[in-house]
Amino acid sequence: MKNSLLALLFIFMNHLVLAQHNANQIDFSNKPVKTPRFRESRQQGYLNVQQEVNPDKKENQIALECSVLMNVKADSYLAIFNLTQMGPTAKEADELIAKRAQPFIDALKNLGINNTDIYSDMIYLIPIYNYEMEKKLFSKTYNEVPKGFEMQKNLHIRFRDANIIDDIVTLAAANEIYDLVTVEYFVKDSQAIYDSMRNKAINYLARNVKKFEKLGLKLEGEFRIVSEKSGVTYPESQYSDYDAFVSQSLDAARDKTVTSLRKPKTVAYNKLSYDAFDLVINPEFLEPVVQFTYELQVSYTLNKDKLEPKNHYMIIDNNGNLKELPIK
């Protein structure tokens, strides 16, 4: 009977330690778990977590991670306009394109944009050919002949106030410049941003370690492996379009001619979703922002003595006292 009780106690302690070990792998955040260790589902406000079988994972390892997102307003911007001009000669094509570009450049000074913030990027100057028909007695021949030249340039315009982009586009249109290629965003000190995000992630994991101590599992002083990953997403890559209309059924007009109208696409800025992050710094913003991401993961390798159950042997002496036998 005593042997049966000891065996039952051993099994119970073994299950208790394993259950505690599994619970310590649960991320305390509300974000969807991205690692393959867990599969979670939310239903009626409850979180169900199931551990997946991973043959490469050791039983004495625990991994904690923290994902951080920081929204940062750009320090400067770069607008790129394209100009294309054709002319009968290369000189005339250059003069015609300068006639459109120079007044635009001069007008930008009224917005505080000087020549040092403007760069003219020559793209190409190529000849243009056309076909000329040559009539013969019984046939016609088409020959390629030089028609003129085509020149293309890009104007790079740097500015620091996002609110003047409308004024820049208006000045460009007034000088027959209509093609705004892109607007790029720049942040000066990205290293300081990553340092700040790293400190936030470290503090977040330190608080989780304190939570583990309340469960009886101390991670301090154990061997650990630290890995980190960072990234940045710029607004120019986050615009998505959609159809802002609903088409009716054509059943009523099956035997009739239907003329479709051109329907413009609606485009809107689509930020990174906050659902996948534990911490979001500067969550509210008005204008599109540069979004920095940082992920810190710490894998702890625990001493197996803390995980493996230990057998305790007890004996009752002649006086009826219960004592533990010092057996290792």
Protein backbone atom coordinates (compact mmCIF):
# COMPACT_ATOMS: atom_id res chain seq x y z
CA MET A 1 0.00 0.00 0.00
CA LYS A 2 2.83 2.38 0.89
CA ASN A 3 4.54 1.67 -2.43
CA SER A 4 1.30 2.43 -4.25
CA LEU A 5 0.95 5.76 -2.45
CA LEU A 6 4.54 6.70 -3.27
CA ALA A 7 4.01 5.82 -6.93
CA LEU A 8 0.79 7.82 -7.03
CA LEU A 9 2.53 10.80 -5.38
CA PHE A 10 5.36 10.57 -7.91
CA ILE A 11 2.93 10.59 -10.84
CA PHE A 12 1.02 13.55 -9.39
CA MET A 13 4.22 15.59 -8.87
CA ASN A 14 5.40 14.73 -12.35
CA HIS A 15 2.14 15.97 -13.92
CA LEU A 16 2.22 19.08 -11.75
CA VAL A 17 5.72 20.04 -12.89
CA LEU A 18 4.92 19.37 -16.54
CA ALA A 19 1.71 21.39 -16.31
CA GLN A 20 3.61 24.29 -14.75
CA HIS A 21 6.24 24.06 -17.47
CA ASN A 22 3.61 24.19 -20.21
CA ALA A 23 1.85 27.14 -18.62
CA ASN A 24 5.09 29.09 -18.49
CA GLN A 25 5.33 29.00 -22.26
CA ILE A 26 2.12 30.95 -22.70
CA ASP A 27 2.67 34.52 -23.87
CA PHE A 28 0.97 36.91 -21.42
CA SER A 29 0.07 39.33 -24.22
CA ASN A 30 -3.21 39.40 -26.12
CA LYS A 31 -1.58 39.25 -29.53
CA PRO A 32 -2.01 36.27 -31.85
CA VAL A 33 0.81 33.82 -31.22
CA LYS A 34 3.09 33.84 -34.23
CA THR A 35 5.41 31.00 -33.24
CA PRO A 36 4.45 27.38 -34.04
CA ARG A 37 4.46 26.42 -30.35
CA PHE A 38 0.85 27.31 -29.79
CA ARG A 39 -2.46 27.45 -31.58
CA GLU A 40 -5.06 29.70 -29.99
CA SER A 41 -8.72 30.47 -30.52
CA ARG A 42 -10.96 33.05 -28.90
CA GLN A 43 -14.60 32.32 -28.21
CA GLN A 44 -16.97 34.19 -25.90
CA GLY A 45 -14.09 36.03 -24.25
CA TYR A 46 -12.10 32.91 -23.33
CA LEU A 47 -8.62 32.09 -24.58
CA ASN A 48 -7.92 28.45 -25.42
CA VAL A 49 -4.27 27.54 -25.87
CA GLN A 50 -3.06 24.16 -27.13
CA GLN A 51 0.55 23.13 -27.26
CA GLU A 52 1.60 21.67 -30.60
CA VAL A 53 4.06 18.82 -30.87
CA ASN A 54 7.53 20.07 -31.80
CA PRO A 55 10.20 17.34 -31.88
CA ASP A 56 13.01 19.90 -31.99
CA LYS A 57 11.95 21.63 -28.81
CA LYS A 58 13.62 20.60 -25.55
CA GLU A 59 11.50 20.05 -22.48
CA ASN A 60 13.66 22.35 -20.37
CA GLN A 61 13.34 25.41 -22.63
CA ILE A 62 10.99 28.36 -22.18
CA ALA A 63 10.72 31.19 -24.74
CA LEU A 64 9.43 34.70 -24.04
CA GLU A 65 8.95 37.28 -26.75
CA CYS A 66 7.77 40.85 -27.21
CA SER A 67 6.80 42.68 -30.43
CA VAL A 68 6.88 46.48 -30.50
CA LEU A 69 5.53 48.95 -33.06
CA MET A 70 6.43 52.65 -33.08
CA ASN A 71 4.75 55.25 -35.28
CA VAL A 72 7.19 58.04 -36.18
CA LYS A 73 6.49 61.26 -38.03
CA ALA A 74 8.95 61.83 -40.88
CA ASP A 75 11.61 64.52 -40.55
CA SER A 76 11.65 65.30 -44.28
CA TYR A 77 9.93 64.31 -47.52
CA LEU A 78 10.93 63.91 -51.16
CA ALA A 79 8.46 64.56 -53.97
CA ILE A 80 9.44 63.36 -57.45
CA PHE A 81 7.81 64.87 -60.55
CA ASN A 82 8.30 63.54 -64.06
CA LEU A 83 8.58 65.76 -67.13
CA THR A 84 8.48 64.42 -70.69
CA GLN A 85 9.04 66.72 -73.67
CA MET A 86 9.34 66.21 -77.43
CA GLY A 87 10.99 68.58 -79.92
CA PRO A 88 12.22 68.61 -83.51
CA THR A 89 15.84 68.77 -82.27
CA ALA A 90 17.61 67.82 -79.08
CA LYS A 91 18.29 71.47 -78.30
CA GLU A 92 14.68 72.48 -78.74
CA ALA A 93 13.46 69.58 -76.60
CA ASP A 94 15.81 70.71 -73.82
CA GLU A 95 14.67 74.33 -74.13
CA LEU A 96 11.00 73.35 -74.01
CA ILE A 97 11.41 71.21 -70.91
CA ALA A 98 13.41 73.97 -69.19
CA LYS A 99 10.62 76.42 -70.06
CA ARG A 100 8.25 74.31 -67.94
CA ALA A 101 10.67 73.39 -65.15
CA GLN A 102 12.39 76.71 -64.40
CA PRO A 103 9.26 78.74 -63.53
CA PHE A 104 8.19 75.86 -61.27
CA ILE A 105 11.57 75.87 -59.51
CA ASP A 106 11.46 79.66 -59.05
CA ALA A 107 7.93 79.51 -57.61
CA LEU A 108 8.99 76.92 -55.02
CA LYS A 109 11.09 79.58 -53.28
CA ASN A 110 7.84 81.16 -52.05
CA LEU A 111 7.26 77.93 -50.11
CA GLY A 112 10.73 78.04 -48.52
CA ILE A 113 12.23 75.47 -50.90
CA ASN A 114 15.62 76.63 -52.19
CA ASN A 115 17.79 75.34 -55.02
CA THR A 116 19.73 73.18 -52.54
CA ASP A 117 16.52 71.19 -52.00
CA ILE A 118 15.92 70.58 -55.71
CA TYR A 119 17.69 68.13 -58.00
CA SER A 120 17.11 67.61 -61.74
CA ASP A 121 17.62 63.98 -62.73
CA MET A 122 18.16 63.41 -66.47
CA ILE A 123 16.44 60.16 -67.43
CA TYR A 124 16.98 59.95 -71.19
CA LEU A 125 17.22 61.78 -74.52
CA ILE A 126 16.29 59.56 -77.45
CA PRO A 127 15.48 60.13 -81.13
CA ILE A 128 11.94 59.56 -82.38
CA TYR A 129 11.27 57.84 -85.71
CA ASN A 130 8.20 57.89 -87.88
CA TYR A 131 7.19 56.03 -91.06
CA GLU A 132 7.27 57.78 -94.42
CA MET A 133 5.46 56.19 -97.34
CA GLU A 134 7.34 55.91 -100.62
CA LYS A 135 5.09 55.36 -103.65
CA LYS A 136 6.26 53.26 -106.52
CA LEU A 137 4.62 52.25 -109.76
CA PHE A 138 3.04 49.05 -108.48
CA SER A 139 3.70 49.17 -104.70
CA LYS A 140 4.16 51.28 -101.61
CA THR A 141 7.14 51.20 -99.24
CA TYR A 142 7.25 52.54 -95.67
CA ASN A 143 10.61 53.79 -94.43
CA GLU A 144 11.63 54.94 -90.96
CA VAL A 145 12.81 58.56 -90.89
CA PRO A 146 13.96 60.76 -87.95
CA LYS A 147 11.05 62.76 -86.54
CA GLY A 148 12.57 64.53 -83.56
CA PHE A 149 13.75 63.89 -80.01
CA GLU A 150 12.11 62.97 -76.72
CA MET A 151 13.59 64.08 -73.38
CA GLN A 152 12.56 62.94 -69.92
CA LYS A 153 13.64 64.39 -66.58
CA ASN A 154 12.67 63.92 -62.96
CA LEU A 155 12.56 66.80 -60.50
CA HIS A 156 13.42 65.80 -56.92
CA ILE A 157 12.02 68.25 -54.37
CA ARG A 158 12.85 67.97 -50.67
CA PHE A 159 10.60 69.62 -48.07
CA ARG A 160 10.03 69.32 -44.33
CA ASP A 161 6.43 70.41 -43.83
CA ALA A 162 3.96 67.77 -44.98
CA ASN A 163 1.18 70.37 -45.25
CA ILE A 164 2.74 72.13 -48.27
CA ILE A 165 2.51 69.14 -50.62
CA ASP A 166 -0.81 70.48 -51.96
CA ASP A 167 0.82 73.83 -52.75
CA ILE A 168 3.69 72.07 -54.52
CA VAL A 169 1.30 70.07 -56.71
CA THR A 170 -0.67 73.25 -57.53
CA LEU A 171 2.49 75.06 -58.66
CA ALA A 172 3.51 72.05 -60.74
CA ALA A 173 0.14 71.92 -62.52
CA ALA A 174 0.36 75.65 -63.28
CA ASN A 175 3.56 74.90 -65.23
CA GLU A 176 2.13 71.88 -67.11
CA ILE A 177 3.77 69.35 -64.81
CA TYR A 178 1.14 66.76 -63.89
CA ASP A 179 2.98 63.52 -63.14
CA LEU A 180 3.73 63.17 -59.41
CA VAL A 181 5.68 59.91 -59.34
CA THR A 182 5.99 59.40 -55.58
CA VAL A 183 6.44 61.05 -52.18
CA GLU A 184 9.09 59.42 -50.00
CA TYR A 185 9.50 59.73 -46.22
CA PHE A 186 12.76 60.05 -44.26
CA VAL A 187 13.57 59.70 -40.54
CA LYS A 188 16.93 60.98 -39.34
CA ASP A 189 17.96 58.96 -36.26
CA SER A 190 16.54 55.48 -36.72
CA GLN A 191 19.12 53.97 -34.34
CA ALA A 192 17.75 56.00 -31.43
CA ILE A 193 14.26 54.73 -32.30
CA TYR A 194 15.38 51.09 -32.22
CA ASP A 195 17.21 51.67 -28.91
CA SER A 196 14.03 53.05 -27.39
CA MET A 197 11.98 50.10 -28.67
CA ARG A 198 14.56 47.63 -27.34
CA ASN A 199 14.34 49.16 -23.85
CA LYS A 200 10.53 48.94 -23.96
CA ALA A 201 10.72 45.27 -24.95
CA ILE A 202 13.25 44.46 -22.20
CA ASN A 203 11.03 46.08 -19.55
CA TYR A 204 8.03 44.18 -20.88
CA LEU A 205 9.81 40.81 -20.62
CA ALA A 206 11.15 41.69 -17.17
CA ARG A 207 7.58 42.19 -15.95
CA ASN A 208 6.61 38.80 -17.35
CA VAL A 209 9.52 37.16 -15.51
CA LYS A 210 8.11 38.62 -12.30
CA LYS A 211 4.78 37.00 -13.13
CA PHE A 212 6.51 33.64 -13.51
CA GLU A 213 8.03 33.99 -10.06
CA LYS A 214 4.51 34.12 -8.64
CA LEU A 215 3.99 30.69 -10.22
CA GLY A 216 7.05 29.34 -8.45
CA LEU A 217 9.37 29.31 -11.46
CA LYS A 218 12.42 31.53 -11.21
CA LEU A 219 14.21 32.32 -14.46
CA GLU A 220 16.91 34.55 -13.06
CA GLY A 221 20.44 33.27 -13.53
CA GLU A 222 19.51 30.55 -16.01
CA PHE A 223 21.25 30.13 -19.37
CA ARG A 224 19.47 32.11 -22.08
CA ILE A 225 19.61 32.81 -25.83
CA VAL A 226 18.55 36.27 -27.05
CA SER A 227 17.44 37.01 -30.62
CA GLU A 228 16.02 40.19 -32.07
CA LYS A 229 14.53 41.31 -35.38
CA SER A 230 13.73 44.81 -36.63
CA GLY A 231 12.09 46.39 -39.66
CA VAL A 232 10.51 49.54 -41.03
CA THR A 233 7.48 50.19 -43.24
CA TYR A 234 7.14 53.43 -45.22
CA PRO A 235 3.78 55.01 -46.10
CA GLU A 236 4.33 54.89 -49.87
CA SER A 237 4.02 51.09 -49.74
CA GLN A 238 0.87 51.09 -47.57
CA TYR A 239 -1.71 52.60 -49.89
CA SER A 240 -4.43 50.21 -51.04
CA ASP A 241 -7.26 50.79 -53.50
CA TYR A 242 -10.83 49.54 -53.64
CA ASP A 243 -13.96 50.02 -55.74
CA ALA A 244 -16.25 52.59 -54.14
CA PHE A 245 -19.40 51.53 -55.99
CA VAL A 246 -21.91 48.69 -56.32
CA SER A 247 -22.91 47.29 -59.73
CA GLN A 248 -26.53 46.31 -60.19
CA SER A 249 -27.69 43.05 -61.77
CA LEU A 250 -27.96 42.99 -65.58
CA ASP A 251 -30.90 40.55 -65.66
CA ALA A 252 -33.36 43.30 -66.60
CA ALA A 253 -31.13 44.50 -69.46
CA ARG A 254 -30.20 41.10 -70.84
CA ASP A 255 -31.40 41.88 -74.39
CA LYS A 256 -30.24 45.49 -74.39
CA THR A 257 -26.94 47.25 -74.97
CA VAL A 258 -25.28 48.38 -71.76
CA THR A 259 -22.64 51.11 -71.74
CA SER A 260 -20.31 51.02 -68.73
CA LEU A 261 -18.85 54.22 -67.33
CA ARG A 262 -15.31 54.60 -66.07
CA LYS A 263 -15.29 54.27 -62.29
CA PRO A 264 -12.25 55.66 -60.47
CA LYS A 265 -10.46 53.64 -57.80
CA THR A 266 -10.54 54.89 -54.23
CA VAL A 267 -7.12 54.87 -52.56
CA ALA A 268 -6.47 55.15 -48.81
CA TYR A 269 -3.55 54.81 -46.45
CA ASN A 270 -3.59 51.45 -44.66
CA LYS A 271 -1.32 51.27 -41.61
CA LEU A 272 0.09 48.09 -40.10
CA SER A 273 -2.49 46.44 -37.89
CA TYR A 274 -1.91 46.75 -34.14
CA ASP A 275 -3.24 43.24 -33.46
CA ALA A 276 0.13 41.53 -33.94
CA PHE A 277 2.04 43.68 -31.43
CA ASP A 278 2.39 43.63 -27.67
CA LEU A 279 3.34 47.29 -27.39
CA VAL A 280 2.36 50.20 -29.67
CA ILE A 281 4.17 53.51 -29.19
CA ASN A 282 2.46 56.68 -30.50
CA PRO A 283 -0.69 54.80 -31.57
CA GLU A 284 -2.57 57.94 -32.66
CA PHE A 285 -1.51 60.03 -35.65
CA LEU A 286 -3.04 62.33 -38.25
CA GLU A 287 -0.76 62.17 -41.27
CA PRO A 288 0.81 58.94 -42.63
CA VAL A 289 3.79 57.87 -40.53
CA VAL A 290 6.85 55.67 -40.77
CA GLN A 291 6.22 52.47 -38.79
CA PHE A 292 9.20 50.85 -37.06
CA THR A 293 8.91 47.29 -35.77
CA TYR A 294 11.07 45.41 -33.29
CA GLU A 295 10.83 41.88 -31.89
CA LEU A 296 12.82 40.52 -28.96
CA GLN A 297 12.83 36.84 -28.00
CA VAL A 298 14.57 35.29 -25.01
CA SER A 299 14.86 31.49 -24.75
CA TYR A 300 15.64 30.17 -21.26
CA THR A 301 17.27 26.78 -20.72
CA LEU A 302 16.33 25.67 -17.23
CA ASN A 303 18.23 23.43 -14.90
CA LYS A 304 16.64 19.99 -15.22
CA ASP A 305 16.75 19.60 -11.45
CA LYS A 306 14.03 22.23 -11.31
CA LEU A 307 11.84 20.32 -13.72
CA GLU A 308 12.39 16.66 -12.82
CA PRO A 309 10.46 15.41 -9.78
CA LYS A 310 12.47 14.27 -6.79
CA ASN A 311 11.52 11.23 -4.73
CA HIS A 312 11.09 11.75 -1.00
CA TYR A 313 11.32 8.75 1.33
CA MET A 314 9.71 8.97 4.74
CA ILE A 315 9.99 6.67 7.76
CA ILE A 316 8.15 6.42 11.06
CA ASP A 317 10.53 5.84 13.98
CA ASN A 318 9.84 3.89 17.13
CA ASN A 319 8.37 6.97 18.81
CA GLY A 320 5.81 7.44 16.01
CA ASN A 321 7.53 10.50 14.47
CA LEU A 322 7.60 10.95 10.67
CA LYS A 323 11.11 11.60 9.34
CA GLU A 324 12.58 12.01 5.84
CA LEU A 325 15.36 9.64 4.86
CA PRO A 326 18.40 11.46 3.39
CA ILE A 327 18.52 9.34 0.22
CA LYS A 328 19.73 10.97 -3.02
